[in-house]
């Protein structure tokens, strides 16, 4: 691995400024909601939770 002088920062302040600007840019970007990223998994999970709840209620109704 070799250092390339064109890729170096001249001062530590310049390096810190670039780091601070990168931090601000990342904070302004909102992550996409889970429903947008993985809609199929969301609906599969909701369907499974609904099925389990219905089975529990059915069991409860049959034994009371």
N, C-alpha and C. Protein backbone atom coordinates (compact mmCIF):
# COMPACT_ATOMS: atom_id res chain seq x y z
N UNK A 1 0.85 -1.16 0.00
CA UNK A 1 0.00 0.00 0.00
C UNK A 1 0.89 1.23 0.00
N UNK A 2 0.65 2.14 -0.91
CA UNK A 2 1.46 3.35 -0.98
C UNK A 2 0.59 4.58 -0.83
N UNK A 3 1.17 5.62 -0.30
CA UNK A 3 0.45 6.89 -0.13
C UNK A 3 0.57 7.70 -1.41
N UNK A 4 -0.54 8.22 -1.86
CA UNK A 4 -0.56 9.06 -3.05
C UNK A 4 -0.74 10.49 -2.57
N UNK A 5 0.22 11.35 -2.88
CA UNK A 5 0.18 12.71 -2.35
C UNK A 5 -1.02 13.51 -2.84
N UNK A 6 -1.55 13.18 -4.01
CA UNK A 6 -2.71 13.91 -4.53
C UNK A 6 -3.97 13.60 -3.72
N UNK A 7 -3.99 12.45 -3.04
CA UNK A 7 -5.16 12.06 -2.26
C UNK A 7 -5.06 12.49 -0.80
N UNK A 8 -3.96 13.09 -0.40
CA UNK A 8 -3.78 13.51 0.98
C UNK A 8 -4.37 14.88 1.23
N UNK A 9 -4.73 15.13 2.47
CA UNK A 9 -5.18 16.46 2.88
C UNK A 9 -3.96 17.25 3.33
N UNK A 10 -3.97 18.54 3.03
CA UNK A 10 -2.81 19.36 3.39
C UNK A 10 -2.76 19.64 4.88
N UNK A 11 -3.93 19.78 5.51
CA UNK A 11 -3.94 20.07 6.95
C UNK A 11 -4.96 19.17 7.63
N UNK A 12 -4.80 19.06 8.93
CA UNK A 12 -5.75 18.28 9.72
C UNK A 12 -7.12 18.95 9.73
N UNK A 13 -7.13 20.29 9.68
CA UNK A 13 -8.39 21.02 9.66
C UNK A 13 -9.20 20.70 8.41
N UNK A 14 -8.51 20.58 7.29
CA UNK A 14 -9.19 20.24 6.03
C UNK A 14 -9.82 18.85 6.14
N UNK A 15 -9.11 17.93 6.73
CA UNK A 15 -9.60 16.57 6.93
C UNK A 15 -10.81 16.56 7.85
N UNK A 16 -10.74 17.31 8.95
CA UNK A 16 -11.87 17.38 9.88
C UNK A 16 -13.09 18.02 9.23
N UNK A 17 -12.88 19.04 8.41
CA UNK A 17 -13.99 19.69 7.73
C UNK A 17 -14.71 18.70 6.81
N UNK A 18 -13.95 17.91 6.08
CA UNK A 18 -14.55 16.90 5.19
C UNK A 18 -15.33 15.87 6.01
N UNK A 19 -14.78 15.45 7.14
CA UNK A 19 -15.48 14.49 8.00
C UNK A 19 -16.79 15.07 8.53
N UNK A 20 -16.76 16.32 8.98
CA UNK A 20 -17.96 16.96 9.52
C UNK A 20 -19.03 17.11 8.44
N UNK A 21 -18.63 17.46 7.23
CA UNK A 21 -19.60 17.61 6.15
C UNK A 21 -20.23 16.26 5.80
N UNK A 22 -19.44 15.21 5.84
CA UNK A 22 -19.98 13.88 5.56
C UNK A 22 -20.97 13.47 6.63
N UNK A 23 -20.69 13.79 7.89
CA UNK A 23 -21.62 13.47 8.97
C UNK A 23 -22.96 14.17 8.77
N UNK A 24 -22.94 15.41 8.37
CA UNK A 24 -24.18 16.16 8.17
C UNK A 24 -24.98 15.59 7.00
N UNK A 25 -24.30 15.20 5.95
CA UNK A 25 -25.01 14.65 4.80
C UNK A 25 -25.71 13.35 5.16
N UNK A 26 -25.06 12.50 5.93
CA UNK A 26 -25.66 11.23 6.28
C UNK A 26 -26.86 11.41 7.19
N UNK A 27 -26.84 12.41 8.07
CA UNK A 27 -27.96 12.64 8.96
C UNK A 27 -29.18 13.15 8.22
N UNK A 28 -28.99 13.87 7.14
CA UNK A 28 -30.13 14.44 6.42
C UNK A 28 -30.85 13.39 5.58
N UNK A 29 -30.22 12.28 5.30
CA UNK A 29 -30.84 11.22 4.50
C UNK A 29 -31.63 10.31 5.42
N UNK A 30 -32.96 10.28 5.21
CA UNK A 30 -33.81 9.42 6.03
C UNK A 30 -33.83 8.01 5.46
N UNK A 31 -33.72 7.03 6.32
CA UNK A 31 -33.84 5.66 5.81
C UNK A 31 -35.28 5.39 5.36
N UNK A 32 -35.42 4.55 4.35
CA UNK A 32 -36.75 4.22 3.86
C UNK A 32 -37.48 3.36 4.89
N UNK A 33 -38.79 3.54 5.02
CA UNK A 33 -39.56 2.72 5.96
C UNK A 33 -39.49 1.24 5.58
N UNK A 34 -39.66 0.39 6.58
CA UNK A 34 -39.60 -1.05 6.36
C UNK A 34 -40.64 -1.51 5.34
N UNK A 35 -41.82 -0.91 5.37
CA UNK A 35 -42.87 -1.30 4.42
C UNK A 35 -42.46 -1.03 2.98
N UNK A 36 -41.66 0.01 2.76
CA UNK A 36 -41.17 0.29 1.40
C UNK A 36 -40.02 -0.64 1.02
N UNK A 37 -39.15 -0.95 2.00
CA UNK A 37 -37.99 -1.78 1.70
C UNK A 37 -38.35 -3.24 1.52
N UNK A 38 -39.20 -3.77 2.40
CA UNK A 38 -39.53 -5.20 2.40
C UNK A 38 -41.05 -5.40 2.54
N UNK A 39 -41.84 -5.00 1.55
CA UNK A 39 -43.29 -5.11 1.72
C UNK A 39 -43.78 -6.55 1.87
N UNK A 40 -43.18 -7.48 1.16
CA UNK A 40 -43.62 -8.87 1.24
C UNK A 40 -43.39 -9.43 2.64
N UNK A 41 -42.23 -9.18 3.21
CA UNK A 41 -41.94 -9.68 4.56
C UNK A 41 -42.86 -9.07 5.60
N UNK A 42 -43.19 -7.78 5.42
CA UNK A 42 -44.10 -7.12 6.37
C UNK A 42 -45.46 -7.80 6.34
N UNK A 43 -46.01 -8.00 5.14
CA UNK A 43 -47.33 -8.60 5.03
C UNK A 43 -47.32 -10.07 5.46
N UNK A 44 -46.25 -10.79 5.18
CA UNK A 44 -46.16 -12.18 5.63
C UNK A 44 -46.13 -12.25 7.15
N UNK A 45 -45.40 -11.34 7.78
CA UNK A 45 -45.32 -11.31 9.24
C UNK A 45 -46.68 -10.96 9.84
N UNK A 46 -47.35 -9.97 9.27
CA UNK A 46 -48.68 -9.61 9.78
C UNK A 46 -49.68 -10.76 9.60
N UNK A 47 -49.62 -11.44 8.48
CA UNK A 47 -50.52 -12.57 8.25
C UNK A 47 -50.24 -13.70 9.24
N UNK A 48 -48.97 -13.97 9.51
CA UNK A 48 -48.62 -15.03 10.45
C UNK A 48 -49.07 -14.66 11.87
N UNK A 49 -48.87 -13.41 12.25
CA UNK A 49 -49.31 -12.97 13.58
C UNK A 49 -50.82 -13.07 13.71
N UNK A 50 -51.54 -12.71 12.66
CA UNK A 50 -52.99 -12.81 12.66
C UNK A 50 -53.44 -14.26 12.77
N UNK A 51 -52.80 -15.14 12.03
CA UNK A 51 -53.12 -16.57 12.08
C UNK A 51 -52.90 -17.13 13.48
N UNK A 52 -51.76 -16.80 14.08
CA UNK A 52 -51.47 -17.29 15.43
C UNK A 52 -52.47 -16.76 16.44
N UNK A 53 -52.82 -15.51 16.34
CA UNK A 53 -53.81 -14.93 17.25
C UNK A 53 -55.16 -15.62 17.09
N UNK A 54 -55.55 -15.88 15.85
CA UNK A 54 -56.82 -16.57 15.61
C UNK A 54 -56.80 -17.99 16.16
N UNK A 55 -55.69 -18.68 16.04
CA UNK A 55 -55.59 -20.03 16.60
C UNK A 55 -55.67 -20.02 18.12
N UNK A 56 -55.03 -19.06 18.74
CA UNK A 56 -55.10 -18.93 20.20
C UNK A 56 -56.53 -18.64 20.64
N UNK A 57 -57.20 -17.74 19.95
CA UNK A 57 -58.59 -17.42 20.29
C UNK A 57 -59.51 -18.62 20.06
N UNK A 58 -59.29 -19.36 19.00
CA UNK A 58 -60.09 -20.56 18.73
C UNK A 58 -59.90 -21.59 19.83
N UNK A 59 -58.66 -21.81 20.24
CA UNK A 59 -58.37 -22.74 21.34
C UNK A 59 -59.06 -22.28 22.61
N UNK A 60 -59.00 -20.98 22.88
CA UNK A 60 -59.61 -20.43 24.10
C UNK A 60 -61.13 -20.62 24.06
N UNK A 61 -61.75 -20.38 22.89
CA UNK A 61 -63.20 -20.55 22.77
C UNK A 61 -63.62 -22.00 22.92
N UNK A 62 -62.84 -22.92 22.41
CA UNK A 62 -63.20 -24.34 22.47
C UNK A 62 -63.08 -24.91 23.88
N UNK A 63 -62.26 -24.32 24.71
CA UNK A 63 -62.02 -24.87 26.05
C UNK A 63 -62.67 -24.05 27.15
N UNK A 64 -63.58 -23.16 26.81
CA UNK A 64 -64.31 -22.41 27.84
C UNK A 64 -65.79 -22.63 27.72
